[in-house]
């Protein structure tokens, strides 16, 4: 049976919320097992709080934890018995281990993925790709959102190919549309990086490039994939997160204003809850690191159980959809499989 490794010690609410979310994922899907890495006593205590099929759970004890205060490269190299490093090695060394999920340090997860798992042949740079809720009730894939602050046009070209493969493998997108995040939709817009990337994307086989898109199109447009350099993509992601929190806070404040507004809230409570869920991108799951030799999902550091659950399911679906194989095949078919740096 497929196994998904979960870093039980990564994140602000580890291990309680991490274990809780993974257990809920086991209840939601019956086609995989969870392997927790971390403090065995702490993980066992959390499992004792919940009813779950322990025959589908394993614990691999670890004595160290990589924190956000650690320098990622140094920590991955020196904390070899950390829950993160041990988990990535398990995934690398065992074929039945299909993916890795962590809410720990983004830098450490990326560094560990590259050093311990390695890149798919031809991949220049792995990219971080979350799903952002949109007005259509689906998700827009944003690639990259922070792994590569400085990019070459060829990186953006590969991001488009990898995200297209991801959309098909994990979400069943038939022919996803791809837009390039820019400061205008006109073809001539942008700096030299984006103008050159535009020309490359326009000629890339195997993707459906629809041109430049603006930040508002991530949530309000009809594009399936938005390609960005990591600097711009991270700003767009954090702006969307801030927008969601702002709307939620304003609604909460307004509905407490007087008796009439409180009564209005009672009548619209269901719809307000649904709006809050739509604006919370973390509930769609984590961000996948595209371009690694195994599926790696990075959950938000502040994730609670309701965000860990879809992250684990996301890893299951990406693994069963052969994400890694599809990326390799698409890069080869597009003539980009020999661009390894």
Protein backbone atom coordinates (compact mmCIF):
# COMPACT_ATOMS: atom_id res chain seq x y z
CA UNK A 1 0.00 0.00 0.00
CA UNK A 2 1.16 3.53 -0.75
CA UNK A 3 2.84 5.27 2.18
CA UNK A 4 2.96 9.01 2.83
CA UNK A 5 5.56 10.33 5.27
CA UNK A 6 4.38 13.14 7.55
CA UNK A 7 6.86 15.29 9.46
CA UNK A 8 5.04 15.31 12.80
CA UNK A 9 7.37 17.89 14.35
CA UNK A 10 7.20 20.59 11.66
CA UNK A 11 4.99 23.65 12.08
CA UNK A 12 3.72 25.96 14.78
CA UNK A 13 1.18 23.47 16.11
CA UNK A 14 3.21 20.26 15.98
CA UNK A 15 2.68 17.53 16.78
CA UNK A 16 -0.97 17.83 17.87
CA UNK A 17 -2.48 19.42 14.76
CA UNK A 18 -0.18 17.56 12.38
CA UNK A 19 -1.16 14.18 13.78
CA UNK A 20 -4.84 15.18 13.94
CA UNK A 21 -4.88 16.24 10.29
CA UNK A 22 -3.11 13.11 9.11
CA UNK A 23 -5.54 10.91 11.07
CA UNK A 24 -8.46 12.75 9.46
CA UNK A 25 -6.87 12.10 6.07
CA UNK A 26 -6.76 8.38 6.89
CA UNK A 27 -10.49 8.52 7.61
CA UNK A 28 -11.14 10.36 4.35
CA UNK A 29 -9.12 8.00 2.16
CA UNK A 30 -8.60 4.27 2.62
CA UNK A 31 -5.89 3.72 0.01
CA UNK A 32 -2.70 4.69 1.84
CA UNK A 33 -0.74 4.51 5.10
CA UNK A 34 0.84 7.30 7.14
CA UNK A 35 4.40 7.16 8.44
CA UNK A 36 5.08 9.79 11.11
CA UNK A 37 8.63 10.93 11.80
CA UNK A 38 9.47 12.63 15.09
CA UNK A 39 9.24 12.22 18.84
CA UNK A 40 7.67 8.77 19.28
CA UNK A 41 6.23 9.45 22.75
CA UNK A 42 4.63 12.73 21.68
CA UNK A 43 3.19 11.24 18.49
CA UNK A 44 1.84 8.19 20.34
CA UNK A 45 0.19 10.45 22.91
CA UNK A 46 -1.61 12.34 20.15
CA UNK A 47 -2.71 9.11 18.49
CA UNK A 48 -4.14 7.94 21.82
CA UNK A 49 -6.40 11.00 21.81
CA UNK A 50 -8.03 9.91 18.58
CA UNK A 51 -9.67 6.86 17.14
CA UNK A 52 -7.87 5.60 14.07
CA UNK A 53 -6.82 2.40 12.39
CA UNK A 54 -3.38 1.92 13.90
CA UNK A 55 -2.63 -0.81 11.36
CA UNK A 56 -2.29 2.02 8.83
CA UNK A 57 0.06 4.08 11.00
CA UNK A 58 3.80 3.79 11.58
CA UNK A 59 6.13 5.91 13.69
CA UNK A 60 9.82 6.34 12.90
CA UNK A 61 11.48 7.84 16.00
CA UNK A 62 13.71 10.92 15.57
CA UNK A 63 15.70 12.85 18.16
CA UNK A 64 16.09 16.21 16.40
CA UNK A 65 13.90 18.96 14.94
CA UNK A 66 14.80 21.59 12.34
CA UNK A 67 13.29 24.93 13.31
CA UNK A 68 12.74 28.20 11.48
CA UNK A 69 15.73 29.64 13.37
CA UNK A 70 18.11 27.11 11.81
CA UNK A 71 20.09 27.90 8.67
CA UNK A 72 18.47 25.45 6.19
CA UNK A 73 21.56 24.04 4.45
CA UNK A 74 23.53 23.65 7.68
CA UNK A 75 20.57 22.12 9.50
CA UNK A 76 19.86 19.56 6.78
CA UNK A 77 23.53 18.53 6.69
CA UNK A 78 24.05 18.37 10.46
CA UNK A 79 20.67 17.39 11.94
CA UNK A 80 20.62 14.03 10.25
CA UNK A 81 18.22 12.55 12.81
CA UNK A 82 15.68 15.35 12.41
CA UNK A 83 12.08 14.48 11.55
CA UNK A 84 12.50 16.33 8.24
CA UNK A 85 15.77 14.72 7.12
CA UNK A 86 14.75 11.22 8.21
CA UNK A 87 11.41 11.57 6.42
CA UNK A 88 12.99 12.66 3.15
CA UNK A 89 15.51 9.80 3.27
CA UNK A 90 12.69 7.31 3.82
CA UNK A 91 10.89 8.63 0.76
CA UNK A 92 14.06 8.47 -1.32
CA UNK A 93 15.09 4.97 -0.32
CA UNK A 94 11.72 3.17 -0.49
CA UNK A 95 9.65 2.81 -3.63
CA UNK A 96 6.37 2.38 -1.75
CA UNK A 97 6.85 5.75 -0.05
CA UNK A 98 5.08 8.06 -2.44
CA UNK A 99 5.38 11.47 -0.82
CA UNK A 100 6.43 13.68 2.06
CA UNK A 101 4.39 16.33 3.90
CA UNK A 102 5.78 18.97 6.25
CA UNK A 103 4.63 22.24 7.79
CA UNK A 104 8.20 22.98 8.87
CA UNK A 105 10.75 25.48 7.60
CA UNK A 106 10.18 26.22 3.91
CA UNK A 107 13.89 26.70 3.31
CA UNK A 108 14.75 23.43 5.01
CA UNK A 109 12.10 21.48 3.10
CA UNK A 110 13.35 22.87 -0.21
CA UNK A 111 17.01 22.39 0.67
CA UNK A 112 16.37 18.89 1.97
CA UNK A 113 14.36 18.02 -1.11
CA UNK A 114 17.18 19.07 -3.43
CA UNK A 115 20.04 17.57 -1.38
CA UNK A 116 18.36 14.35 -0.27
CA UNK A 117 15.90 13.59 -3.07
CA UNK A 118 17.42 15.38 -6.05
CA UNK A 119 15.87 16.99 -9.09
CA UNK A 120 14.11 15.30 -11.99
CA UNK A 121 16.45 15.07 -14.98
CA UNK A 122 16.38 18.32 -16.90
CA UNK A 123 14.86 20.45 -14.14
CA UNK A 124 16.82 23.66 -13.63
CA UNK A 125 15.09 24.79 -10.45
CA UNK A 126 12.27 23.22 -8.39
CA UNK A 127 9.32 25.54 -7.89
CA UNK A 128 6.79 26.00 -5.10
CA UNK A 129 3.24 25.68 -6.41
CA UNK A 130 0.16 26.24 -4.20
CA UNK A 131 -3.48 26.23 -5.24
CA UNK A 132 -5.26 29.56 -4.80
CA UNK A 133 -9.08 29.68 -4.50
CA UNK A 134 -10.78 31.48 -7.35
CA UNK A 135 -14.18 32.92 -8.18
CA UNK A 136 -15.05 29.83 -10.25
CA UNK A 137 -15.01 27.66 -7.15
CA UNK A 138 -11.89 25.77 -8.22
CA UNK A 139 -8.21 26.64 -7.74
CA UNK A 140 -5.56 28.49 -9.68
CA UNK A 141 -2.06 27.02 -9.50
CA UNK A 142 0.58 29.68 -8.76
CA UNK A 143 4.09 28.63 -9.80
CA UNK A 144 6.53 29.81 -8.36
CA UNK A 145 5.61 31.51 -5.06
CA UNK A 146 8.92 31.76 -3.25
CA UNK A 147 11.48 29.10 -4.06
CA UNK A 148 13.33 31.18 -6.68
CA UNK A 149 13.49 34.90 -6.01
CA UNK A 150 15.70 35.46 -9.06
CA UNK A 151 14.79 33.68 -12.28
CA UNK A 152 15.90 33.22 -15.84
CA UNK A 153 13.31 33.09 -18.64
CA UNK A 154 14.02 29.37 -19.04
CA UNK A 155 13.01 28.77 -15.42
CA UNK A 156 9.60 30.33 -16.05
CA UNK A 157 9.24 28.18 -19.14
CA UNK A 158 9.88 25.05 -17.11
CA UNK A 159 7.54 26.22 -14.34
CA UNK A 160 4.74 26.36 -16.91
CA UNK A 161 5.45 22.82 -18.10
CA UNK A 162 5.75 21.39 -14.59
CA UNK A 163 2.59 23.12 -13.35
CA UNK A 164 0.69 21.85 -16.40
CA UNK A 165 1.80 18.30 -15.56
CA UNK A 166 0.78 18.86 -11.94
CA UNK A 167 -2.67 20.13 -12.89
CA UNK A 168 -3.24 17.06 -15.02
CA UNK A 169 -1.80 14.52 -12.56
CA UNK A 170 -3.29 15.77 -9.29
CA UNK A 171 -6.47 17.60 -10.31
CA UNK A 172 -7.53 16.02 -13.57
CA UNK A 173 -7.21 19.24 -15.58
CA UNK A 174 -7.60 18.26 -19.23
CA UNK A 175 -5.99 21.20 -20.98
CA UNK A 176 -5.11 23.83 -18.38
CA UNK A 177 -4.57 27.41 -19.50
CA UNK A 178 -1.30 29.10 -18.52
CA UNK A 179 -0.77 32.81 -17.92
CA UNK A 180 2.41 34.75 -17.13
CA UNK A 181 2.13 37.08 -14.12
CA UNK A 182 3.01 40.57 -15.32
CA UNK A 183 2.20 44.24 -14.80
CA UNK A 184 -0.20 44.29 -17.72
CA UNK A 185 -1.82 41.93 -20.21
CA UNK A 186 -0.31 43.42 -23.35
CA UNK A 187 2.40 41.34 -25.02
CA UNK A 188 5.04 44.08 -24.79
CA UNK A 189 4.59 44.65 -21.02
CA UNK A 190 7.14 43.83 -18.37
CA UNK A 191 10.90 43.89 -17.85
CA UNK A 192 13.35 41.97 -20.09
CA UNK A 193 12.90 38.80 -18.03
CA UNK A 194 9.14 38.70 -18.57
CA UNK A 195 9.26 39.78 -22.20
CA UNK A 196 11.74 37.02 -23.02
CA UNK A 197 9.76 34.50 -20.97
CA UNK A 198 6.64 35.49 -22.90
CA UNK A 199 8.35 34.63 -26.18
CA UNK A 200 9.54 31.28 -24.84
CA UNK A 201 6.13 30.35 -23.46
CA UNK A 202 4.46 31.30 -26.73
CA UNK A 203 6.61 28.74 -28.53
CA UNK A 204 6.50 25.97 -25.92
CA UNK A 205 4.79 22.80 -27.09
CA UNK A 206 2.46 20.91 -24.75
CA UNK A 207 1.11 23.88 -22.81
CA UNK A 208 -1.81 26.21 -23.55
CA UNK A 209 -0.29 29.63 -23.05
CA UNK A 210 -2.87 32.44 -23.05
CA UNK A 211 -0.55 35.40 -22.50
CA UNK A 212 0.13 37.83 -19.68
CA UNK A 213 -2.17 38.06 -16.68
CA UNK A 214 -2.32 40.49 -13.78
CA UNK A 215 -2.41 39.77 -10.05
CA UNK A 216 -6.19 40.09 -9.87
CA UNK A 217 -6.57 37.29 -12.41
CA UNK A 218 -5.20 34.71 -9.97
CA UNK A 219 -8.47 34.73 -8.03
CA UNK A 220 -10.85 36.57 -10.34
CA UNK A 221 -9.80 35.47 -13.82
CA UNK A 222 -10.35 32.29 -15.81
CA UNK A 223 -6.75 31.07 -16.05
CA UNK A 224 -5.82 27.70 -14.53
CA UNK A 225 -2.09 28.26 -13.99
CA UNK A 226 -0.21 31.47 -13.29
CA UNK A 227 3.56 31.37 -13.80
CA UNK A 228 5.68 33.81 -11.80
CA UNK A 229 9.19 34.42 -10.58
CA UNK A 230 9.37 33.49 -6.90
CA UNK A 231 9.67 37.09 -5.72
CA UNK A 232 6.54 38.32 -7.49
CA UNK A 233 4.66 35.10 -6.82
CA UNK A 234 5.33 35.26 -3.10
CA UNK A 235 4.08 38.85 -2.93
CA UNK A 236 0.94 37.83 -4.83
CA UNK A 237 0.38 34.88 -2.49
CA UNK A 238 0.81 36.92 0.67
CA UNK A 239 -1.42 39.68 -0.73
CA UNK A 240 -4.17 37.12 -1.38
CA UNK A 241 -3.74 35.75 2.14
CA UNK A 242 -3.93 39.24 3.60
CA UNK A 243 -7.03 40.03 1.54
CA UNK A 244 -8.79 36.97 2.90
CA UNK A 245 -7.91 37.83 6.49
CA UNK A 246 -8.96 41.45 5.98
CA UNK A 247 -12.36 40.54 4.57
CA UNK A 248 -12.93 38.09 7.42
CA UNK A 249 -11.91 40.64 10.07
CA UNK A 250 -14.08 43.41 8.59
CA UNK A 251 -17.11 41.14 8.43
CA UNK A 252 -16.58 40.05 12.02
CA UNK A 253 -16.26 43.66 13.14
CA UNK A 254 -19.32 44.85 11.24
CA UNK A 255 -21.56 42.06 12.47
CA UNK A 256 -20.74 42.97 16.08
CA UNK A 257 -21.65 46.62 15.60
CA UNK A 258 -25.25 46.51 16.90
CA UNK A 259 -28.21 44.22 17.52
CA UNK A 260 -29.45 44.51 13.95
CA UNK A 261 -26.12 43.47 12.48
CA UNK A 262 -25.92 40.55 14.93
CA UNK A 263 -29.33 39.34 13.74
CA UNK A 264 -28.17 39.71 10.15
CA UNK A 265 -25.15 37.59 10.95
CA UNK A 266 -27.34 34.81 12.35
CA UNK A 267 -29.29 34.73 9.09
CA UNK A 268 -26.16 34.73 6.92
CA UNK A 269 -23.86 32.66 9.13
CA UNK A 270 -23.66 29.73 6.72
CA UNK A 271 -22.80 31.90 3.73
CA UNK A 272 -20.21 33.86 5.73
CA UNK A 273 -18.56 30.62 6.82
CA UNK A 274 -18.44 29.44 3.22
CA UNK A 275 -16.87 32.75 2.15
CA UNK A 276 -14.25 32.44 4.88
CA UNK A 277 -13.40 28.92 3.71
CA UNK A 278 -13.15 30.04 0.07
CA UNK A 279 -10.72 32.82 0.96
CA UNK A 280 -8.52 30.50 3.06
CA UNK A 281 -6.14 29.00 0.49
CA UNK A 282 -4.47 26.80 3.14
CA UNK A 283 -7.62 24.67 3.29
CA UNK A 284 -6.98 23.63 -0.31
CA UNK A 285 -3.82 21.89 0.84
CA UNK A 286 -0.14 22.74 0.79
CA UNK A 287 2.29 23.83 -1.88
CA UNK A 288 3.99 21.12 -3.90
CA UNK A 289 7.67 21.43 -4.75
CA UNK A 290 7.59 20.70 -8.45
CA UNK A 291 10.73 19.23 -9.99
CA UNK A 292 11.89 16.85 -7.24
CA UNK A 293 12.21 13.09 -7.71
CA UNK A 294 9.42 12.39 -5.21
CA UNK A 295 6.28 14.28 -4.21
CA UNK A 296 6.97 16.87 -1.50
CA UNK A 297 4.15 18.99 -0.04
CA UNK A 298 4.91 22.05 2.07
CA UNK A 299 2.00 23.03 4.31
CA UNK A 300 1.67 26.51 5.80
CA UNK A 301 3.71 26.80 9.00
CA UNK A 302 0.59 27.82 10.92
CA UNK A 303 -1.44 24.88 9.60
CA UNK A 304 -3.96 23.19 11.82
CA UNK A 305 -5.64 19.86 11.21
CA UNK A 306 -8.07 21.21 8.60
CA UNK A 307 -5.11 22.29 6.45
CA UNK A 308 -2.95 19.20 7.04
CA UNK A 309 -5.77 16.87 5.94
CA UNK A 310 -5.91 18.16 2.33
CA UNK A 311 -2.10 18.36 2.21
CA UNK A 312 -1.83 14.64 2.92
CA UNK A 313 -4.59 13.83 0.41
CA UNK A 314 -2.79 16.07 -2.07
CA UNK A 315 0.37 13.96 -1.66
CA UNK A 316 -1.64 10.78 -2.21
CA UNK A 317 -3.27 12.08 -5.39
CA UNK A 318 -0.05 13.51 -6.82
CA UNK A 319 1.76 10.24 -6.19
CA UNK A 320 -1.01 8.07 -7.63
CA UNK A 321 -1.26 10.44 -10.60
CA UNK A 322 2.46 9.86 -11.28
CA UNK A 323 3.33 13.54 -11.00
CA UNK A 324 7.09 12.94 -11.15
CA UNK A 325 6.83 10.74 -14.23
CA UNK A 326 4.51 13.18 -16.00
CA UNK A 327 6.84 16.11 -15.37
CA UNK A 328 9.76 14.16 -16.81
CA UNK A 329 7.75 13.10 -19.84
CA UNK A 330 6.46 16.61 -20.51
CA UNK A 331 9.93 18.13 -20.24
CA UNK A 332 11.24 15.59 -22.72
CA UNK A 333 8.34 16.06 -25.14
CA UNK A 334 8.83 19.85 -24.98
CA UNK A 335 12.53 19.50 -25.65
CA UNK A 336 13.42 20.78 -22.18
CA UNK A 337 14.69 17.56 -20.62
CA UNK A 338 18.37 18.25 -21.16
CA UNK A 339 18.52 21.66 -19.50
CA UNK A 340 19.83 20.48 -16.14
CA UNK A 341 22.22 22.97 -14.52
